[in-house]
Amino acid sequence: MWTKIVPVAALIASVSLTGGTAYASPTTPVGGEALGSRGLVAPEGVQKPPKSKATSYVIADVGTGQVLAAKDAHGRYLPASTLKTLTALTLIPKLDKNRTIRPSHNACNQEGSAVGLSPKATYKIDDLFKGLMMSSGNDAAMALAESNGGLAKTMSDMNAEAKRLQAYDTVAKTPSGLDKPGQSSSAYDLALIARAGLANPDFKRYISTKTANFPAPKGKTYQISNHNKLLWRYQGMIGVKNGWTTKARASFVGAATRGGHTIVVSIMRHEGFFWDEVAKLLDWGFSVRGKVTPVGRLVDPLPAGLPAPQQQASAPAKTVTPAAQPPLLDTAAKKQTDTTKTVGSVVIGGGLLFGLIYLWYGIRRRRRARSRF
């Protein structure tokens, strides 16, 4: 290994009650003990992965589930809009894509990034998933949650799905990924969720669509574009999801296929422009897959209704914990008070926003969290 792995204190076994099914959390890092390291974990005998400013990342082979390299794979961070991957994966099987709904005022007035829902228009569920995964619409996320029986039920369903996937670092508090105390995910979990999503034809269709016509009131339409820049720039890019808030910073999970093989890369808490870095990490993954000993694996989902496998008491394994967390989960979410709104990918400062709204539309003010994508 390039980085020495130092085992630290054991995780405390716990049981999560979600959706009526009990899933026992593991006592060692999911996917292999090496993935509990906070540092870089990479195979020997090949060039190290390209440098990345991301605090945490995972590079994995989707077909085999082999984790080729990782850095702080199980560190828990605010996921921002990458959490929408879990929203989509949870709700696509539950909602009829041809069903038509009229969104509530609550859904249309969600803060942050929006696809532009109007209570005066009707939308197919299929349209809402496009708005969710292409334009990162927080309004679409809430409309889908309400179509699933309400916010509380949807959050229960999403957390149950996370446990079924063995994505134990993930706790969903919102369907959109907007920061909220207690919400978290990890680079490992994002890769796990993306891998499961890629097996769903509708999920794959939504994330790979570059542009689409979106309904508007009075039978009109307008064009929306996918926020994933690599769909236009990287050979074989399938897509998945990017996210950003002022507290979470940039996050991204993406997958590409070349030569019949698919590589997924997930990053969390990146401070700057990450697209070129992700492209290089993908290139590295394609160059070493099938040639190196993996450092871990993306585990398969649990059979429905069955608890997670437990460690044998007679042969306890060494245990490690994920990275110690910086003060950016509960504390950061509570401080998310920036008065900024994003529509699509354009950020408008709070003061300017008020003036524009007052002059152009004459509608009410409301506080907005700074949120792109």
Protein backbone atom coordinates (compact mmCIF):
# COMPACT_ATOMS: atom_id res chain seq x y z
CA MET A 1 0.00 0.00 0.00
CA TRP A 2 1.12 3.54 -0.59
CA THR A 3 -0.18 4.66 2.78
CA LYS A 4 0.24 2.81 6.03
CA ILE A 5 -3.10 1.87 7.55
CA VAL A 6 -3.37 2.58 11.26
CA PRO A 7 -6.29 0.80 12.98
CA VAL A 8 -8.10 2.95 15.52
CA ALA A 9 -11.02 2.50 17.90
CA ALA A 10 -13.82 0.08 17.06
CA LEU A 11 -17.19 1.16 15.76
CA ILE A 12 -20.08 0.56 18.10
CA ALA A 13 -22.56 -1.92 16.66
CA SER A 14 -25.99 -0.41 16.29
CA VAL A 15 -29.37 -1.30 14.87
CA SER A 16 -31.30 1.10 12.65
CA LEU A 17 -35.06 0.71 12.48
CA THR A 18 -36.06 1.97 9.05
CA GLY A 19 -39.19 1.12 7.16
CA GLY A 20 -40.04 -1.60 9.66
CA THR A 21 -36.91 -3.62 8.89
CA ALA A 22 -33.99 -3.90 11.32
CA TYR A 23 -30.54 -3.73 9.75
CA ALA A 24 -27.56 -4.20 12.04
CA SER A 25 -24.63 -1.91 11.35
CA PRO A 26 -21.28 -3.67 10.89
CA THR A 27 -18.41 -3.50 13.36
CA THR A 28 -15.73 -3.18 10.66
CA PRO A 29 -15.63 -0.93 7.59
CA VAL A 30 -17.96 -2.08 4.87
CA GLY A 31 -16.02 -3.33 1.87
CA GLY A 32 -12.83 -4.23 3.70
CA GLU A 33 -10.70 -3.13 6.62
CA ALA A 34 -8.32 -1.11 4.45
CA LEU A 35 -11.17 1.23 3.58
CA GLY A 36 -11.23 2.46 7.18
CA SER A 37 -7.99 4.35 6.58
CA ARG A 38 -8.10 8.13 6.51
CA GLY A 39 -5.20 8.29 4.09
CA LEU A 40 -4.68 7.14 0.55
CA VAL A 41 -5.10 3.41 0.02
CA ALA A 42 -3.82 2.27 -3.37
CA PRO A 43 -2.43 -0.92 -4.94
CA GLU A 44 1.26 -1.65 -5.22
CA GLY A 45 3.12 -2.07 -8.48
CA VAL A 46 1.41 0.73 -10.40
CA GLN A 47 1.59 4.50 -10.45
CA LYS A 48 -0.37 6.17 -7.68
CA PRO A 49 -3.72 7.76 -8.56
CA PRO A 50 -3.53 11.39 -9.74
CA LYS A 51 -3.61 13.98 -6.99
CA SER A 52 -6.98 15.36 -5.98
CA LYS A 53 -7.99 18.19 -3.69
CA ALA A 54 -11.00 16.17 -2.57
CA THR A 55 -10.98 15.29 1.12
CA SER A 56 -12.42 11.87 0.31
CA TYR A 57 -12.75 9.75 -2.81
CA VAL A 58 -13.31 6.23 -4.16
CA ILE A 59 -12.39 4.73 -7.53
CA ALA A 60 -14.09 1.41 -8.27
CA ASP A 61 -14.90 -1.07 -11.04
CA VAL A 62 -18.69 -1.19 -11.34
CA GLY A 63 -18.79 -4.63 -12.94
CA THR A 64 -16.66 -6.46 -10.38
CA GLY A 65 -17.28 -4.16 -7.43
CA GLN A 66 -13.52 -3.93 -6.85
CA VAL A 67 -12.35 -0.73 -5.15
CA LEU A 68 -9.16 0.21 -6.97
CA ALA A 69 -8.13 3.11 -4.72
CA ALA A 70 -9.63 5.23 -1.99
CA LYS A 71 -8.97 8.10 0.37
CA ASP A 72 -10.99 8.36 3.57
CA ALA A 73 -13.63 6.17 1.92
CA HIS A 74 -15.94 6.02 4.95
CA GLY A 75 -15.45 9.59 6.17
CA ARG A 76 -18.87 11.10 6.72
CA TYR A 77 -19.54 14.47 5.09
CA LEU A 78 -22.44 16.60 3.98
CA PRO A 79 -23.50 15.15 0.59
CA ALA A 80 -25.27 18.16 -0.94
CA SER A 81 -27.18 17.23 -4.11
CA THR A 82 -25.36 13.93 -4.61
CA LEU A 83 -27.96 12.66 -2.13
CA LYS A 84 -30.47 12.95 -4.97
CA THR A 85 -28.98 9.69 -6.28
CA LEU A 86 -30.54 7.96 -3.28
CA THR A 87 -33.81 9.85 -3.79
CA ALA A 88 -34.03 8.66 -7.39
CA LEU A 89 -32.96 5.10 -6.64
CA THR A 90 -35.56 4.85 -3.86
CA LEU A 91 -38.50 6.41 -5.67
CA ILE A 92 -38.14 5.23 -9.29
CA PRO A 93 -39.50 1.74 -8.44
CA LYS A 94 -42.29 3.20 -6.29
CA LEU A 95 -43.78 5.81 -8.64
CA ASP A 96 -45.49 5.32 -12.00
CA LYS A 97 -43.43 7.43 -14.41
CA ASN A 98 -46.52 8.14 -16.55
CA ARG A 99 -48.58 9.41 -13.61
CA THR A 100 -49.41 13.12 -13.87
CA ILE A 101 -49.34 15.45 -10.85
CA ARG A 102 -49.79 19.13 -10.07
CA PRO A 103 -47.08 20.20 -7.59
CA SER A 104 -47.94 21.91 -4.32
CA HIS A 105 -46.91 25.47 -3.48
CA ASN A 106 -44.58 23.95 -0.89
CA ALA A 107 -42.77 21.95 -3.55
CA CYS A 108 -42.57 24.87 -5.96
CA ASN A 109 -41.17 27.18 -3.26
CA GLN A 110 -38.26 24.99 -2.13
CA GLU A 111 -35.05 26.91 -1.54
CA GLY A 112 -31.90 26.45 -3.56
CA SER A 113 -31.52 25.06 -7.05
CA ALA A 114 -34.76 24.60 -8.97
CA VAL A 115 -35.98 23.24 -12.28
CA GLY A 116 -38.80 25.79 -12.16
CA LEU A 117 -41.98 23.93 -11.17
CA SER A 118 -45.22 25.90 -11.17
CA PRO A 119 -48.44 25.02 -9.32
CA LYS A 120 -50.23 26.09 -12.50
CA ALA A 121 -48.69 23.29 -14.58
CA THR A 122 -48.98 19.53 -14.55
CA TYR A 123 -46.01 17.19 -14.83
CA LYS A 124 -45.42 13.53 -15.40
CA ILE A 125 -43.38 11.77 -12.74
CA ASP A 126 -40.93 11.11 -15.56
CA ASP A 127 -40.50 14.88 -16.00
CA LEU A 128 -39.85 15.31 -12.28
CA PHE A 129 -37.07 12.72 -12.30
CA LYS A 130 -35.45 14.56 -15.21
CA GLY A 131 -35.70 17.81 -13.26
CA LEU A 132 -34.21 16.06 -10.24
CA MET A 133 -31.22 14.40 -11.89
CA MET A 134 -30.47 16.81 -14.75
CA SER A 135 -31.19 20.23 -13.22
CA SER A 136 -30.82 19.18 -9.59
CA GLY A 137 -34.23 20.64 -8.82
CA ASN A 138 -34.97 20.83 -5.12
CA ASP A 139 -38.55 21.62 -6.16
CA ALA A 140 -38.66 18.35 -8.13
CA ALA A 141 -37.25 16.47 -5.11
CA MET A 142 -40.06 17.71 -2.87
CA ALA A 143 -42.74 17.09 -5.51
CA LEU A 144 -41.54 13.50 -5.85
CA ALA A 145 -41.48 13.07 -2.06
CA GLU A 146 -45.05 14.37 -1.80
CA SER A 147 -46.09 12.03 -4.63
CA ASN A 148 -44.69 9.15 -2.60
CA GLY A 149 -47.01 9.81 0.33
CA GLY A 150 -45.24 12.71 1.97
CA LEU A 151 -41.86 13.82 3.28
CA ALA A 152 -41.80 11.62 6.39
CA LYS A 153 -42.58 8.46 4.45
CA THR A 154 -40.04 9.30 1.77
CA MET A 155 -37.26 9.91 4.27
CA SER A 156 -38.09 6.58 5.93
CA ASP A 157 -38.00 4.87 2.54
CA MET A 158 -34.69 6.50 1.59
CA ASN A 159 -32.99 5.52 4.83
CA ALA A 160 -34.33 1.99 4.54
CA GLU A 161 -32.91 1.80 1.02
CA ALA A 162 -29.54 3.06 2.25
CA LYS A 163 -29.42 0.31 4.86
CA ARG A 164 -30.47 -2.30 2.30
CA LEU A 165 -27.55 -1.22 0.13
CA GLN A 166 -25.28 -1.37 3.21
CA ALA A 167 -24.63 2.36 2.82
CA TYR A 168 -24.33 2.77 6.58
CA ASP A 169 -22.57 6.15 6.43
CA THR A 170 -25.64 7.67 4.80
CA VAL A 171 -28.38 9.37 6.79
CA ALA A 172 -30.94 11.22 4.69
CA LYS A 173 -32.83 14.13 6.24
CA THR A 174 -33.98 15.84 3.04
CA PRO A 175 -34.87 14.48 -0.41
CA SER A 176 -32.86 17.26 -2.07
CA GLY A 177 -29.58 17.06 -0.18
CA LEU A 178 -29.89 20.56 1.26
CA ASP A 179 -27.85 20.67 4.46
CA LYS A 180 -29.67 19.60 7.60
CA PRO A 181 -28.33 18.50 11.01
CA GLY A 182 -27.70 14.77 11.10
CA GLN A 183 -27.50 14.31 7.33
CA SER A 184 -24.39 12.60 5.97
CA SER A 185 -22.92 10.26 3.42
CA SER A 186 -19.47 9.05 2.32
CA ALA A 187 -17.53 8.55 -0.89
CA TYR A 188 -17.93 4.81 -0.43
CA ASP A 189 -21.70 5.08 -0.06
CA LEU A 190 -22.05 7.39 -3.06
CA ALA A 191 -20.20 4.84 -5.20
CA LEU A 192 -22.40 2.07 -3.78
CA ILE A 193 -25.61 3.99 -4.53
CA ALA A 194 -24.44 4.92 -8.02
CA ARG A 195 -23.57 1.30 -8.79
CA ALA A 196 -27.07 0.21 -7.78
CA GLY A 197 -28.59 3.04 -9.81
CA LEU A 198 -26.70 2.07 -12.95
CA ALA A 199 -28.49 -1.29 -12.86
CA ASN A 200 -31.83 0.54 -13.21
CA PRO A 201 -32.61 1.49 -16.85
CA ASP A 202 -34.67 4.57 -15.91
CA PHE A 203 -32.04 5.84 -13.46
CA LYS A 204 -29.42 5.42 -16.17
CA ARG A 205 -31.60 7.23 -18.71
CA TYR A 206 -32.13 10.24 -16.43
CA ILE A 207 -28.46 10.69 -15.56
CA SER A 208 -27.24 10.34 -19.16
CA THR A 209 -29.72 12.74 -20.78
CA LYS A 210 -27.91 15.91 -21.83
CA THR A 211 -30.86 18.15 -22.71
CA ALA A 212 -34.63 17.79 -22.56
CA ASN A 213 -37.77 19.86 -23.08
CA PHE A 214 -39.48 20.54 -19.75
CA PRO A 215 -43.18 21.41 -19.30
CA ALA A 216 -44.29 24.93 -18.45
CA PRO A 217 -47.75 26.45 -17.82
CA LYS A 218 -50.19 26.87 -20.72
CA GLY A 219 -48.76 23.90 -22.61
CA LYS A 220 -45.40 25.53 -23.26
CA THR A 221 -41.95 23.99 -22.73
CA TYR A 222 -38.39 25.13 -22.12
CA GLN A 223 -35.09 23.33 -22.40
CA ILE A 224 -33.13 22.05 -19.41
CA SER A 225 -29.54 20.81 -19.47
CA ASN A 226 -27.65 18.29 -17.39
CA HIS A 227 -25.30 19.90 -14.86
CA ASN A 228 -22.74 17.11 -15.28
CA LYS A 229 -20.09 18.80 -17.46
CA LEU A 230 -18.30 15.52 -18.15
CA LEU A 231 -21.22 14.33 -20.28
CA TRP A 232 -19.89 16.72 -22.92
CA ARG A 233 -16.18 16.35 -22.18
CA TYR A 234 -15.28 12.80 -21.20
CA GLN A 235 -15.30 9.85 -23.59
CA GLY A 236 -17.76 7.18 -22.49
CA MET A 237 -19.28 9.27 -19.69
CA ILE A 238 -22.62 7.87 -18.50
CA GLY A 239 -23.23 10.59 -15.91
CA VAL A 240 -24.56 10.47 -12.35
CA LYS A 241 -24.70 13.57 -10.09
CA ASN A 242 -22.82 16.57 -8.76
CA GLY A 243 -23.61 18.75 -5.76
CA TRP A 244 -22.52 21.87 -3.92
CA THR A 245 -23.46 23.91 -0.88
CA THR A 246 -21.40 26.48 0.99
CA LYS A 247 -20.86 24.07 3.88
CA ALA A 248 -20.57 20.75 2.04
CA ARG A 249 -18.36 22.23 -0.71
CA ALA A 250 -18.28 20.31 -3.99
CA SER A 251 -19.23 16.64 -4.24
CA PHE A 252 -19.60 14.40 -7.26
CA VAL A 253 -20.18 10.81 -8.28
CA GLY A 254 -19.80 9.80 -11.90
CA ALA A 255 -19.39 6.71 -14.04
CA ALA A 256 -18.01 6.09 -17.52
CA THR A 257 -17.78 3.03 -19.79
CA ARG A 258 -14.89 2.12 -22.08
CA GLY A 259 -14.15 -1.20 -23.74
CA GLY A 260 -17.13 -2.83 -22.08
CA HIS A 261 -15.99 -1.87 -18.54
CA THR A 262 -17.42 0.80 -16.26
CA ILE A 263 -15.51 2.81 -13.66
CA VAL A 264 -17.16 4.93 -10.99
CA VAL A 265 -15.47 7.81 -9.14
CA SER A 266 -16.96 9.58 -6.13
CA ILE A 267 -15.49 12.60 -4.40
CA MET A 268 -16.56 14.61 -1.35
CA ARG A 269 -15.62 18.00 0.07
CA HIS A 270 -13.66 19.44 -2.82
CA GLU A 271 -12.79 23.11 -2.56
CA GLY A 272 -12.56 24.02 -6.22
CA PHE A 273 -13.00 23.03 -9.86
CA PHE A 274 -13.00 19.23 -9.85
CA TRP A 275 -13.98 18.17 -13.36
CA ASP A 276 -10.45 17.72 -14.71
CA GLU A 277 -9.39 15.87 -11.56
CA VAL A 278 -12.30 13.44 -11.87
CA ALA A 279 -11.44 12.81 -15.53
CA LYS A 280 -7.88 11.91 -14.51
CA LEU A 281 -9.11 9.62 -11.73
CA LEU A 282 -11.36 7.86 -14.23
CA ASP A 283 -8.46 7.50 -16.66
CA TRP A 284 -6.37 5.97 -13.88
CA GLY A 285 -9.15 3.55 -13.01
CA PHE A 286 -9.43 2.32 -16.58
CA SER A 287 -5.65 1.95 -16.83
CA VAL A 288 -5.28 -0.31 -13.77
CA ARG A 289 -8.54 -2.29 -13.66
CA GLY A 290 -7.92 -6.02 -13.98
CA LYS A 291 -4.19 -5.54 -13.34
CA VAL A 292 -4.00 -4.89 -9.60
CA THR A 293 -5.09 -6.35 -6.30
CA PRO A 294 -8.14 -4.33 -5.16
CA VAL A 295 -8.01 -2.49 -1.84
CA GLY A 296 -11.64 -3.31 -1.08
CA ARG A 297 -14.97 -3.93 -2.73
CA LEU A 298 -18.38 -2.42 -3.24
CA VAL A 299 -20.67 -4.82 -1.42
CA ASP A 300 -23.92 -6.16 -2.82
CA PRO A 301 -27.32 -5.11 -1.42
CA LEU A 302 -28.79 -7.18 1.37
CA PRO A 303 -31.66 -9.55 0.57
CA ALA A 304 -34.93 -7.92 1.56
CA GLY A 305 -35.75 -8.29 5.25
CA LEU A 306 -32.42 -9.79 6.29
CA PRO A 307 -30.05 -8.14 8.79
CA ALA A 308 -26.45 -7.34 7.93
CA PRO A 309 -23.97 -10.16 8.60
CA GLN A 310 -22.32 -10.01 12.02
CA GLN A 311 -18.73 -10.67 13.00
CA GLN A 312 -17.99 -14.09 14.44
CA ALA A 313 -17.47 -13.76 18.19
CA SER A 314 -14.78 -16.46 18.14
CA ALA A 315 -12.64 -14.65 15.60
CA PRO A 316 -13.05 -10.90 15.95
CA ALA A 317 -11.50 -8.88 13.15
CA LYS A 318 -9.42 -5.78 13.62
CA THR A 319 -11.65 -2.77 13.61
CA VAL A 320 -11.17 0.76 12.39
CA THR A 321 -13.39 3.80 12.34
CA PRO A 322 -14.04 6.25 9.54
CA ALA A 323 -12.21 9.56 9.64
CA ALA A 324 -12.74 11.89 12.55
CA GLN A 325 -15.23 14.42 11.30
CA PRO A 326 -14.52 18.10 10.88
CA PRO A 327 -17.21 20.43 12.25
CA LEU A 328 -19.28 20.39 9.09
CA LEU A 329 -22.21 18.10 9.74
CA ASP A 330 -24.64 19.23 12.43
CA THR A 331 -22.79 22.46 13.21
CA ALA A 332 -22.32 23.43 9.60
CA ALA A 333 -25.89 22.65 8.68
CA LYS A 334 -27.19 24.80 11.53
CA LYS A 335 -25.09 27.70 10.24
CA GLN A 336 -26.43 27.43 6.69
CA THR A 337 -27.91 30.93 6.69
CA ASP A 338 -26.55 32.48 3.49
CA THR A 339 -29.20 34.56 1.75
CA THR A 340 -28.53 33.27 -1.73
CA LYS A 341 -30.73 31.56 -4.26
CA THR A 342 -29.68 29.47 -7.23
CA VAL A 343 -31.85 28.97 -10.28
CA GLY A 344 -30.28 26.37 -12.56
CA SER A 345 -26.57 27.12 -12.26
CA VAL A 346 -26.77 30.94 -11.83
CA VAL A 347 -26.12 32.25 -8.31
CA ILE A 348 -27.76 35.51 -7.31
CA GLY A 349 -26.66 37.33 -4.13
CA GLY A 350 -29.32 37.77 -1.47
CA GLY A 351 -29.51 41.57 -1.65
CA LEU A 352 -29.54 41.64 -5.44
CA LEU A 353 -32.10 38.86 -5.51
CA PHE A 354 -34.47 40.88 -3.35
CA GLY A 355 -34.15 43.90 -5.57
CA LEU A 356 -34.67 41.93 -8.76
CA ILE A 357 -37.66 40.09 -7.41
CA TYR A 358 -39.18 43.31 -6.11
CA LEU A 359 -38.67 45.18 -9.38
CA TRP A 360 -39.43 42.38 -11.85
CA TYR A 361 -42.07 40.28 -10.26
CA GLY A 362 -43.34 42.04 -7.13
CA ILE A 363 -43.58 38.81 -5.21
CA ARG A 364 -42.63 38.04 -1.64
CA ARG A 365 -39.15 37.75 -0.18
CA ARG A 366 -37.91 34.64 1.40
CA ARG A 367 -34.59 33.48 2.76
CA ARG A 368 -32.58 31.15 0.59
CA ALA A 369 -29.63 28.88 1.39
CA ARG A 370 -26.62 29.25 -0.88
CA SER A 371 -26.82 26.18 -3.05
CA ARG A 372 -25.59 25.40 -6.53
CA PHE A 373 -26.51 22.31 -8.55
